[in-house]
Amino acid sequence: MRSALKYEITADPSKPVEEISEFISLMIQTHPDKQIEILQKVDENIGIALASYSVKRSQLKILI
């Protein structure tokens, strides 16, 4: 049976950008054959999150 590689992450919430960037770098280094796929999916998820926050921000401006 093949053992799975697992990471236990400790992150500093006061540095979210740096911590997220380090984790992404770690994951793409661990999967060199899937770097583009990982980055594309992360990019897609970030785009979805940005669009969602933009809508919420616009709705808040309307309410104010």
PDB file of N, CA and C in Angstrom:
ATOM      1  N   MET A   1       0.843  -1.177   0.000  1.00  0.00           N
ATOM      2  CA  MET A   1       0.000   0.000   0.000  1.00  0.00           C
ATOM      3  C   MET A   1       0.889   1.242   0.000  1.00  0.00           C
ATOM      4  N   ARG A   2       0.538   2.190  -0.832  1.00  0.00           N
ATOM      5  CA  ARG A   2       1.295   3.426  -0.966  1.00  0.00           C
ATOM      6  C   ARG A   2       0.833   4.427   0.078  1.00  0.00           C
ATOM      7  N   SER A   3       1.774   5.009   0.795  1.00  0.00           N
ATOM      8  CA  SER A   3       1.388   5.999   1.805  1.00  0.00           C
ATOM      9  C   SER A   3       1.213   7.366   1.152  1.00  0.00           C
ATOM     10  N   ALA A   4       0.270   8.111   1.672  1.00  0.00           N
ATOM     11  CA  ALA A   4      -0.027   9.436   1.127  1.00  0.00           C
ATOM     12  C   ALA A   4       0.818  10.482   1.835  1.00  0.00           C
ATOM     13  N   LEU A   5       1.328  11.408   1.073  1.00  0.00           N
ATOM     14  CA  LEU A   5       2.061  12.531   1.620  1.00  0.00           C
ATOM     15  C   LEU A   5       1.048  13.539   2.137  1.00  0.00           C
ATOM     16  N   LYS A   6       1.231  13.990   3.366  1.00  0.00           N
ATOM     17  CA  LYS A   6       0.310  14.964   3.944  1.00  0.00           C
ATOM     18  C   LYS A   6       1.102  16.100   4.557  1.00  0.00           C
ATOM     19  N   TYR A   7       0.540  17.291   4.471  1.00  0.00           N
ATOM     20  CA  TYR A   7       1.139  18.465   5.081  1.00  0.00           C
ATOM     21  C   TYR A   7       0.247  18.951   6.207  1.00  0.00           C
ATOM     22  N   GLU A   8       0.865  19.314   7.286  1.00  0.00           N
ATOM     23  CA  GLU A   8       0.147  19.980   8.360  1.00  0.00           C
ATOM     24  C   GLU A   8       0.612  21.426   8.321  1.00  0.00           C
ATOM     25  N   ILE A   9      -0.336  22.319   8.119  1.00  0.00           N
ATOM     26  CA  ILE A   9      -0.003  23.720   7.889  1.00  0.00           C
ATOM     27  C   ILE A   9      -0.317  24.561   9.122  1.00  0.00           C
ATOM     28  N   THR A  10       0.624  25.411   9.478  1.00  0.00           N
ATOM     29  CA  THR A  10       0.398  26.425  10.490  1.00  0.00           C
ATOM     30  C   THR A  10       0.562  27.756   9.766  1.00  0.00           C
ATOM     31  N   ALA A  11      -0.451  28.591   9.869  1.00  0.00           N
ATOM     32  CA  ALA A  11      -0.427  29.847   9.129  1.00  0.00           C
ATOM     33  C   ALA A  11      -0.634  31.031  10.072  1.00  0.00           C
ATOM     34  N   ASP A  12       0.006  32.132   9.738  1.00  0.00           N
ATOM     35  CA  ASP A  12      -0.140  33.373  10.490  1.00  0.00           C
ATOM     36  C   ASP A  12      -1.256  34.187   9.849  1.00  0.00           C
ATOM     37  N   PRO A  13      -2.418  34.294  10.518  1.00  0.00           N
ATOM     38  CA  PRO A  13      -3.546  35.006   9.919  1.00  0.00           C
ATOM     39  C   PRO A  13      -3.301  36.503   9.708  1.00  0.00           C
ATOM     40  N   SER A  14      -2.256  37.025  10.311  1.00  0.00           N
ATOM     41  CA  SER A  14      -1.951  38.447  10.096  1.00  0.00           C
ATOM     42  C   SER A  14      -1.208  38.666   8.778  1.00  0.00           C
ATOM     43  N   LYS A  15      -0.817  37.567   8.104  1.00  0.00           N
ATOM     44  CA  LYS A  15      -0.112  37.647   6.819  1.00  0.00           C
ATOM     45  C   LYS A  15      -0.800  36.745   5.794  1.00  0.00           C
ATOM     46  N   PRO A  16      -2.057  36.999   5.471  1.00  0.00           N
ATOM     47  CA  PRO A  16      -2.791  36.072   4.604  1.00  0.00           C
ATOM     48  C   PRO A  16      -2.207  35.927   3.197  1.00  0.00           C
ATOM     49  N   VAL A  17      -1.751  37.010   2.616  1.00  0.00           N
ATOM     50  CA  VAL A  17      -1.230  36.935   1.245  1.00  0.00           C
ATOM     51  C   VAL A  17       0.027  36.077   1.204  1.00  0.00           C
ATOM     52  N   GLU A  18       0.946  36.330   2.125  1.00  0.00           N
ATOM     53  CA  GLU A  18       2.184  35.567   2.153  1.00  0.00           C
ATOM     54  C   GLU A  18       1.921  34.086   2.430  1.00  0.00           C
ATOM     55  N   GLU A  19       1.034  33.808   3.375  1.00  0.00           N
ATOM     56  CA  GLU A  19       0.750  32.422   3.742  1.00  0.00           C
ATOM     57  C   GLU A  19       0.093  31.653   2.595  1.00  0.00           C
ATOM     58  N   ILE A  20      -0.873  32.280   1.943  1.00  0.00           N
ATOM     59  CA  ILE A  20      -1.541  31.626   0.811  1.00  0.00           C
ATOM     60  C   ILE A  20      -0.545  31.392  -0.321  1.00  0.00           C
ATOM     61  N   SER A  21       0.281  32.382  -0.597  1.00  0.00           N
ATOM     62  CA  SER A  21       1.284  32.253  -1.655  1.00  0.00           C
ATOM     63  C   SER A  21       2.263  31.125  -1.361  1.00  0.00           C
ATOM     64  N   GLU A  22       2.713  31.024  -0.113  1.00  0.00           N
ATOM     65  CA  GLU A  22       3.628  29.947   0.258  1.00  0.00           C
ATOM     66  C   GLU A  22       2.986  28.577   0.085  1.00  0.00           C
ATOM     67  N   PHE A  23       1.718  28.471   0.472  1.00  0.00           N
ATOM     68  CA  PHE A  23       1.028  27.184   0.352  1.00  0.00           C
ATOM     69  C   PHE A  23       0.863  26.786  -1.115  1.00  0.00           C
ATOM     70  N   ILE A  24       0.488  27.740  -1.943  1.00  0.00           N
ATOM     71  CA  ILE A  24       0.347  27.445  -3.374  1.00  0.00           C
ATOM     72  C   ILE A  24       1.700  27.006  -3.942  1.00  0.00           C
ATOM     73  N   SER A  25       2.753  27.708  -3.585  1.00  0.00           N
ATOM     74  CA  SER A  25       4.095  27.330  -4.058  1.00  0.00           C
ATOM     75  C   SER A  25       4.461  25.923  -3.614  1.00  0.00           C
ATOM     76  N   LEU A  26       4.155  25.592  -2.377  1.00  0.00           N
ATOM     77  CA  LEU A  26       4.437  24.252  -1.866  1.00  0.00           C
ATOM     78  C   LEU A  26       3.693  23.198  -2.678  1.00  0.00           C
ATOM     79  N   MET A  27       2.426  23.444  -2.939  1.00  0.00           N
ATOM     80  CA  MET A  27       1.618  22.459  -3.655  1.00  0.00           C
ATOM     81  C   MET A  27       2.076  22.277  -5.099  1.00  0.00           C
ATOM     82  N   ILE A  28       2.432  23.353  -5.780  1.00  0.00           N
ATOM     83  CA  ILE A  28       2.873  23.176  -7.170  1.00  0.00           C
ATOM     84  C   ILE A  28       4.256  22.539  -7.244  1.00  0.00           C
ATOM     85  N   GLN A  29       5.086  22.731  -6.206  1.00  0.00           N
ATOM     86  CA  GLN A  29       6.376  22.045  -6.171  1.00  0.00           C
ATOM     87  C   GLN A  29       6.189  20.545  -5.931  1.00  0.00           C
ATOM     88  N   THR A  30       5.175  20.210  -5.146  1.00  0.00           N
ATOM     89  CA  THR A  30       4.886  18.814  -4.835  1.00  0.00           C
ATOM     90  C   THR A  30       4.321  18.074  -6.043  1.00  0.00           C
ATOM     91  N   HIS A  31       3.673  18.811  -6.954  1.00  0.00           N
ATOM     92  CA  HIS A  31       3.039  18.209  -8.137  1.00  0.00           C
ATOM     93  C   HIS A  31       3.550  18.896  -9.403  1.00  0.00           C
ATOM     94  N   PRO A  32       4.821  18.696  -9.748  1.00  0.00           N
ATOM     95  CA  PRO A  32       5.382  19.400 -10.910  1.00  0.00           C
ATOM     96  C   PRO A  32       4.669  19.099 -12.224  1.00  0.00           C
ATOM     97  N   ASP A  33       4.052  17.927 -12.324  1.00  0.00           N
ATOM     98  CA  ASP A  33       3.354  17.566 -13.552  1.00  0.00           C
ATOM     99  C   ASP A  33       1.958  18.173 -13.637  1.00  0.00           C
ATOM    100  N   LYS A  34       1.513  18.814 -12.560  1.00  0.00           N
ATOM    101  CA  LYS A  34       0.170  19.402 -12.549  1.00  0.00           C
ATOM    102  C   LYS A  34       0.189  20.899 -12.222  1.00  0.00           C
ATOM    103  N   GLN A  35       1.350  21.531 -12.353  1.00  0.00           N
ATOM    104  CA  GLN A  35       1.473  22.938 -11.970  1.00  0.00           C
ATOM    105  C   GLN A  35       0.475  23.841 -12.699  1.00  0.00           C
ATOM    106  N   ILE A  36       0.396  23.689 -14.007  1.00  0.00           N
ATOM    107  CA  ILE A  36      -0.508  24.547 -14.779  1.00  0.00           C
ATOM    108  C   ILE A  36      -1.955  24.286 -14.382  1.00  0.00           C
ATOM    109  N   GLU A  37      -2.330  23.029 -14.248  1.00  0.00           N
ATOM    110  CA  GLU A  37      -3.699  22.669 -13.858  1.00  0.00           C
ATOM    111  C   GLU A  37      -4.050  23.259 -12.484  1.00  0.00           C
ATOM    112  N   ILE A  38      -3.135  23.146 -11.535  1.00  0.00           N
ATOM    113  CA  ILE A  38      -3.368  23.693 -10.190  1.00  0.00           C
ATOM    114  C   ILE A  38      -3.536  25.207 -10.264  1.00  0.00           C
ATOM    115  N   LEU A  39      -2.619  25.869 -10.942  1.00  0.00           N
ATOM    116  CA  LEU A  39      -2.670  27.334 -11.027  1.00  0.00           C
ATOM    117  C   LEU A  39      -3.913  27.815 -11.769  1.00  0.00           C
ATOM    118  N   GLN A  40      -4.322  27.100 -12.814  1.00  0.00           N
ATOM    119  CA  GLN A  40      -5.539  27.485 -13.534  1.00  0.00           C
ATOM    120  C   GLN A  40      -6.761  27.360 -12.638  1.00  0.00           C
ATOM    121  N   LYS A  41      -6.836  26.299 -11.852  1.00  0.00           N
ATOM    122  CA  LYS A  41      -7.978  26.096 -10.960  1.00  0.00           C
ATOM    123  C   LYS A  41      -7.988  27.146  -9.847  1.00  0.00           C
ATOM    124  N   VAL A  42      -6.818  27.451  -9.306  1.00  0.00           N
ATOM    125  CA  VAL A  42      -6.727  28.508  -8.286  1.00  0.00           C
ATOM    126  C   VAL A  42      -7.170  29.843  -8.895  1.00  0.00           C
ATOM    127  N   ASP A  43      -6.703  30.120 -10.109  1.00  0.00           N
ATOM    128  CA  ASP A  43      -7.088  31.353 -10.808  1.00  0.00           C
ATOM    129  C   ASP A  43      -8.603  31.412 -11.009  1.00  0.00           C
ATOM    130  N   GLU A  44      -9.190  30.295 -11.408  1.00  0.00           N
ATOM    131  CA  GLU A  44     -10.641  30.220 -11.609  1.00  0.00           C
ATOM    132  C   GLU A  44     -11.381  30.496 -10.292  1.00  0.00           C
ATOM    133  N   ASN A  45     -10.930  29.866  -9.214  1.00  0.00           N
ATOM    134  CA  ASN A  45     -11.580  30.066  -7.918  1.00  0.00           C
ATOM    135  C   ASN A  45     -11.429  31.497  -7.415  1.00  0.00           C
ATOM    136  N   ILE A  46     -10.276  32.100  -7.650  1.00  0.00           N
ATOM    137  CA  ILE A  46     -10.078  33.498  -7.268  1.00  0.00           C
ATOM    138  C   ILE A  46     -11.003  34.394  -8.080  1.00  0.00           C
ATOM    139  N   GLY A  47     -11.125  34.127  -9.366  1.00  0.00           N
ATOM    140  CA  GLY A  47     -12.030  34.909 -10.215  1.00  0.00           C
ATOM    141  C   GLY A  47     -13.468  34.830  -9.735  1.00  0.00           C
ATOM    142  N   ILE A  48     -13.912  33.642  -9.363  1.00  0.00           N
ATOM    143  CA  ILE A  48     -15.271  33.458  -8.842  1.00  0.00           C
ATOM    144  C   ILE A  48     -15.448  34.239  -7.543  1.00  0.00           C
ATOM    145  N   ALA A  49     -14.459  34.141  -6.648  1.00  0.00           N
ATOM    146  CA  ALA A  49     -14.536  34.858  -5.369  1.00  0.00           C
ATOM    147  C   ALA A  49     -14.554  36.368  -5.588  1.00  0.00           C
ATOM    148  N   LEU A  50     -13.712  36.865  -6.485  1.00  0.00           N
ATOM    149  CA  LEU A  50     -13.686  38.302  -6.772  1.00  0.00           C
ATOM    150  C   LEU A  50     -15.015  38.784  -7.338  1.00  0.00           C
ATOM    151  N   ALA A  51     -15.583  38.014  -8.234  1.00  0.00           N
ATOM    152  CA  ALA A  51     -16.880  38.382  -8.816  1.00  0.00           C
ATOM    153  C   ALA A  51     -17.954  38.419  -7.735  1.00  0.00           C
ATOM    154  N   SER A  52     -17.937  37.443  -6.848  1.00  0.00           N
ATOM    155  CA  SER A  52     -18.917  37.383  -5.767  1.00  0.00           C
ATOM    156  C   SER A  52     -18.780  38.580  -4.833  1.00  0.00           C
ATOM    157  N   TYR A  53     -17.546  38.909  -4.468  1.00  0.00           N
ATOM    158  CA  TYR A  53     -17.333  40.055  -3.586  1.00  0.00           C
ATOM    159  C   TYR A  53     -17.681  41.365  -4.264  1.00  0.00           C
ATOM    160  N   SER A  54     -17.457  41.456  -5.560  1.00  0.00           N
ATOM    161  CA  SER A  54     -17.824  42.666  -6.303  1.00  0.00           C
ATOM    162  C   SER A  54     -19.329  42.874  -6.280  1.00  0.00           C
ATOM    163  N   VAL A  55     -20.082  41.790  -6.451  1.00  0.00           N
ATOM    164  CA  VAL A  55     -21.546  41.873  -6.403  1.00  0.00           C
ATOM    165  C   VAL A  55     -21.991  42.293  -5.012  1.00  0.00           C
ATOM    166  N   LYS A  56     -21.429  41.677  -3.980  1.00  0.00           N
ATOM    167  CA  LYS A  56     -21.800  42.021  -2.607  1.00  0.00           C
ATOM    168  C   LYS A  56     -21.473  43.480  -2.305  1.00  0.00           C
ATOM    169  N   ARG A  57     -20.315  43.942  -2.765  1.00  0.00           N
ATOM    170  CA  ARG A  57     -19.906  45.325  -2.536  1.00  0.00           C
ATOM    171  C   ARG A  57     -20.875  46.286  -3.236  1.00  0.00           C
ATOM    172  N   SER A  58     -21.276  45.936  -4.454  1.00  0.00           N
ATOM    173  CA  SER A  58     -22.231  46.772  -5.190  1.00  0.00           C
ATOM    174  C   SER A  58     -23.573  46.817  -4.475  1.00  0.00           C
ATOM    175  N   GLN A  59     -24.004  45.683  -3.941  1.00  0.00           N
ATOM    176  CA  GLN A  59     -25.279  45.643  -3.216  1.00  0.00           C
ATOM    177  C   GLN A  59     -25.214  46.475  -1.945  1.00  0.00           C
ATOM    178  N   LEU A  60     -24.081  46.467  -1.273  1.00  0.00           N
ATOM    179  CA  LEU A  60     -23.924  47.275  -0.057  1.00  0.00           C
ATOM    180  C   LEU A  60     -23.975  48.761  -0.386  1.00  0.00           C
ATOM    181  N   LYS A  61     -23.374  49.158  -1.503  1.00  0.00           N
ATOM    182  CA  LYS A  61     -23.385  50.565  -1.905  1.00  0.00           C
ATOM    183  C   LYS A  61     -24.807  51.033  -2.192  1.00  0.00           C
ATOM    184  N   ILE A  62     -25.627  50.148  -2.754  1.00  0.00           N
ATOM    185  CA  ILE A  62     -27.020  50.478  -3.045  1.00  0.00           C
ATOM    186  C   ILE A  62     -27.794  50.690  -1.760  1.00  0.00           C
ATOM    187  N   LEU A  63     -27.503  49.874  -0.739  1.00  0.00           N
ATOM    188  CA  LEU A  63     -28.199  49.968   0.526  1.00  0.00           C
ATOM    189  C   LEU A  63     -27.787  51.197   1.331  1.00  0.00           C
ATOM    190  N   ILE A  64     -26.608  51.700   1.098  1.00  0.00           N
ATOM    191  CA  ILE A  64     -26.099  52.847   1.869  1.00  0.00           C
ATOM    192  C   ILE A  64     -26.535  54.131   1.263  1.00  0.00           C
TER     193      ILE A  64
END
